[in-house]
Amino acid sequence: MFTRPNKISNEIKLLGRYQLTDAFVVLLILFFGMGNLADYIYEPIRLFFRLFLFIMTIFWLSPSPFKPQSKNIGVLMDCLKKDTHTYFPDGIFENEWRKIDDYR
């Protein structure tokens, strides 16, 4: 028998977790970070730089413990886009509070 899927998605997933854009980011880091950027690093620590770059890439593309439906890089972007304005009360309800205080 034919069973209906519970969830239909247009995302292409690799290994059940990573999307196609994540694969693009990994390839970009491999070509740019491991190649061009690593050439500017002091030769004895270049291997450690490449290892660090690989570990950080895996970390940023892994699911966040705070928001499991998003990746760590998405949570970081949400934190950076957070609204930091301070809002003040607009005074609409001040008259109502005065009436309540006068009634008491």
C-alpha atoms as a PDB file:
ATOM      1  CA  MET A   1       0.000   0.000   0.000  1.00  0.00           C
ATOM      2  CA  PHE A   2       0.971   3.585  -0.536  1.00  0.00           C
ATOM      3  CA  THR A   3       1.704   5.551   2.637  1.00  0.00           C
ATOM      4  CA  ARG A   4       1.576   9.304   2.782  1.00  0.00           C
ATOM      5  CA  PRO A   5       4.702  11.043   4.048  1.00  0.00           C
ATOM      6  CA  ASN A   6       4.307  12.973   7.276  1.00  0.00           C
ATOM      7  CA  LYS A   7       6.599  15.784   6.257  1.00  0.00           C
ATOM      8  CA  ILE A   8       7.476  17.062   2.807  1.00  0.00           C
ATOM      9  CA  SER A   9      10.581  19.199   2.516  1.00  0.00           C
ATOM     10  CA  ASN A  10      12.424  20.751  -0.395  1.00  0.00           C
ATOM     11  CA  GLU A  11      15.796  20.638   1.377  1.00  0.00           C
ATOM     12  CA  ILE A  12      18.453  18.327   0.031  1.00  0.00           C
ATOM     13  CA  LYS A  13      20.082  16.604   3.003  1.00  0.00           C
ATOM     14  CA  LEU A  14      23.400  14.793   3.053  1.00  0.00           C
ATOM     15  CA  LEU A  15      23.901  12.113   5.708  1.00  0.00           C
ATOM     16  CA  GLY A  16      20.493  13.032   7.152  1.00  0.00           C
ATOM     17  CA  ARG A  17      21.784  16.186   8.848  1.00  0.00           C
ATOM     18  CA  TYR A  18      23.674  18.457   6.479  1.00  0.00           C
ATOM     19  CA  GLN A  19      22.145  20.481   3.676  1.00  0.00           C
ATOM     20  CA  LEU A  20      23.565  21.270   0.271  1.00  0.00           C
ATOM     21  CA  THR A  21      24.554  24.757   1.459  1.00  0.00           C
ATOM     22  CA  ASP A  22      26.582  23.159   4.257  1.00  0.00           C
ATOM     23  CA  ALA A  23      28.463  21.119   1.667  1.00  0.00           C
ATOM     24  CA  PHE A  24      29.134  24.339  -0.244  1.00  0.00           C
ATOM     25  CA  VAL A  25      30.513  25.979   2.922  1.00  0.00           C
ATOM     26  CA  VAL A  26      32.772  22.987   3.594  1.00  0.00           C
ATOM     27  CA  LEU A  27      34.094  23.072   0.034  1.00  0.00           C
ATOM     28  CA  LEU A  28      34.660  26.817   0.278  1.00  0.00           C
ATOM     29  CA  ILE A  29      36.614  26.368   3.511  1.00  0.00           C
ATOM     30  CA  LEU A  30      38.612  23.516   2.016  1.00  0.00           C
ATOM     31  CA  PHE A  31      39.634  25.478  -1.047  1.00  0.00           C
ATOM     32  CA  PHE A  32      40.059  28.919   0.491  1.00  0.00           C
ATOM     33  CA  GLY A  33      40.994  28.164   4.104  1.00  0.00           C
ATOM     34  CA  MET A  34      43.137  25.100   3.638  1.00  0.00           C
ATOM     35  CA  GLY A  35      44.775  26.450   0.500  1.00  0.00           C
ATOM     36  CA  ASN A  36      45.185  30.211   0.225  1.00  0.00           C
ATOM     37  CA  LEU A  37      44.748  31.148   3.877  1.00  0.00           C
ATOM     38  CA  ALA A  38      47.026  28.385   5.144  1.00  0.00           C
ATOM     39  CA  ASP A  39      49.857  29.745   2.994  1.00  0.00           C
ATOM     40  CA  TYR A  40      50.008  32.819   5.253  1.00  0.00           C
ATOM     41  CA  ILE A  41      50.447  30.737   8.412  1.00  0.00           C
ATOM     42  CA  TYR A  42      53.896  30.031   9.831  1.00  0.00           C
ATOM     43  CA  GLU A  43      55.074  26.685   8.446  1.00  0.00           C
ATOM     44  CA  PRO A  44      55.558  24.717  11.732  1.00  0.00           C
ATOM     45  CA  ILE A  45      52.005  25.457  12.927  1.00  0.00           C
ATOM     46  CA  ARG A  46      50.246  25.117   9.568  1.00  0.00           C
ATOM     47  CA  LEU A  47      49.060  21.583  10.348  1.00  0.00           C
ATOM     48  CA  PHE A  48      47.529  22.774  13.638  1.00  0.00           C
ATOM     49  CA  PHE A  49      45.813  25.621  11.796  1.00  0.00           C
ATOM     50  CA  ARG A  50      44.269  23.209   9.314  1.00  0.00           C
ATOM     51  CA  LEU A  51      43.136  20.919  12.132  1.00  0.00           C
ATOM     52  CA  PHE A  52      41.639  23.895  13.993  1.00  0.00           C
ATOM     53  CA  LEU A  53      39.859  25.047  10.832  1.00  0.00           C
ATOM     54  CA  PHE A  54      38.408  21.570  10.283  1.00  0.00           C
ATOM     55  CA  ILE A  55      37.187  21.275  13.902  1.00  0.00           C
ATOM     56  CA  MET A  56      35.619  24.745  13.846  1.00  0.00           C
ATOM     57  CA  THR A  57      33.853  23.969  10.571  1.00  0.00           C
ATOM     58  CA  ILE A  58      32.339  20.818  12.047  1.00  0.00           C
ATOM     59  CA  PHE A  59      31.355  22.737  15.192  1.00  0.00           C
ATOM     60  CA  TRP A  60      29.617  25.587  13.345  1.00  0.00           C
ATOM     61  CA  LEU A  61      27.714  23.182  11.087  1.00  0.00           C
ATOM     62  CA  SER A  62      26.572  20.868  13.890  1.00  0.00           C
ATOM     63  CA  PRO A  63      23.117  21.217  15.484  1.00  0.00           C
ATOM     64  CA  SER A  64      22.864  23.605  18.390  1.00  0.00           C
ATOM     65  CA  PRO A  65      22.078  22.242  21.874  1.00  0.00           C
ATOM     66  CA  PHE A  66      19.979  25.358  22.560  1.00  0.00           C
ATOM     67  CA  LYS A  67      17.965  25.237  19.341  1.00  0.00           C
ATOM     68  CA  PRO A  68      18.060  21.696  17.856  1.00  0.00           C
ATOM     69  CA  GLN A  69      16.301  22.649  14.603  1.00  0.00           C
ATOM     70  CA  SER A  70      19.107  25.154  13.819  1.00  0.00           C
ATOM     71  CA  LYS A  71      22.855  24.901  13.472  1.00  0.00           C
ATOM     72  CA  ASN A  72      25.393  26.682  15.698  1.00  0.00           C
ATOM     73  CA  ILE A  73      26.166  29.219  12.972  1.00  0.00           C
ATOM     74  CA  GLY A  74      22.444  30.034  12.701  1.00  0.00           C
ATOM     75  CA  VAL A  75      22.194  30.569  16.455  1.00  0.00           C
ATOM     76  CA  LEU A  76      25.217  32.874  16.309  1.00  0.00           C
ATOM     77  CA  MET A  77      23.623  34.880  13.496  1.00  0.00           C
ATOM     78  CA  ASP A  78      20.382  35.134  15.504  1.00  0.00           C
ATOM     79  CA  CYS A  79      22.344  36.453  18.497  1.00  0.00           C
ATOM     80  CA  LEU A  80      24.112  39.020  16.338  1.00  0.00           C
ATOM     81  CA  LYS A  81      20.823  40.190  14.809  1.00  0.00           C
ATOM     82  CA  LYS A  82      19.161  40.499  18.233  1.00  0.00           C
ATOM     83  CA  ASP A  83      17.305  43.749  18.842  1.00  0.00           C
ATOM     84  CA  THR A  84      19.334  45.682  21.390  1.00  0.00           C
ATOM     85  CA  HIS A  85      17.175  48.811  21.610  1.00  0.00           C
ATOM     86  CA  THR A  86      15.774  49.822  24.972  1.00  0.00           C
ATOM     87  CA  TYR A  87      12.057  50.339  24.941  1.00  0.00           C
ATOM     88  CA  PHE A  88      10.299  52.744  27.290  1.00  0.00           C
ATOM     89  CA  PRO A  89       6.633  52.665  28.300  1.00  0.00           C
ATOM     90  CA  ASP A  90       4.539  54.951  26.149  1.00  0.00           C
ATOM     91  CA  GLY A  91       2.298  56.244  28.954  1.00  0.00           C
ATOM     92  CA  ILE A  92      -1.038  55.083  27.540  1.00  0.00           C
ATOM     93  CA  PHE A  93      -2.115  53.395  30.746  1.00  0.00           C
ATOM     94  CA  GLU A  94      -0.933  56.068  33.185  1.00  0.00           C
ATOM     95  CA  ASN A  95      -4.391  57.667  33.388  1.00  0.00           C
ATOM     96  CA  GLU A  96      -5.991  54.302  34.177  1.00  0.00           C
ATOM     97  CA  TRP A  97      -3.490  53.671  36.984  1.00  0.00           C
ATOM     98  CA  ARG A  98      -4.188  57.127  38.416  1.00  0.00           C
ATOM     99  CA  LYS A  99      -7.907  56.411  38.389  1.00  0.00           C
ATOM    100  CA  ILE A 100      -7.312  53.129  40.206  1.00  0.00           C
ATOM    101  CA  ASP A 101      -5.105  54.881  42.796  1.00  0.00           C
ATOM    102  CA  ASP A 102      -7.740  57.611  43.284  1.00  0.00           C
ATOM    103  CA  TYR A 103     -10.429  54.991  43.780  1.00  0.00           C
ATOM    104  CA  ARG A 104      -8.477  53.301  46.571  1.00  0.00           C
END
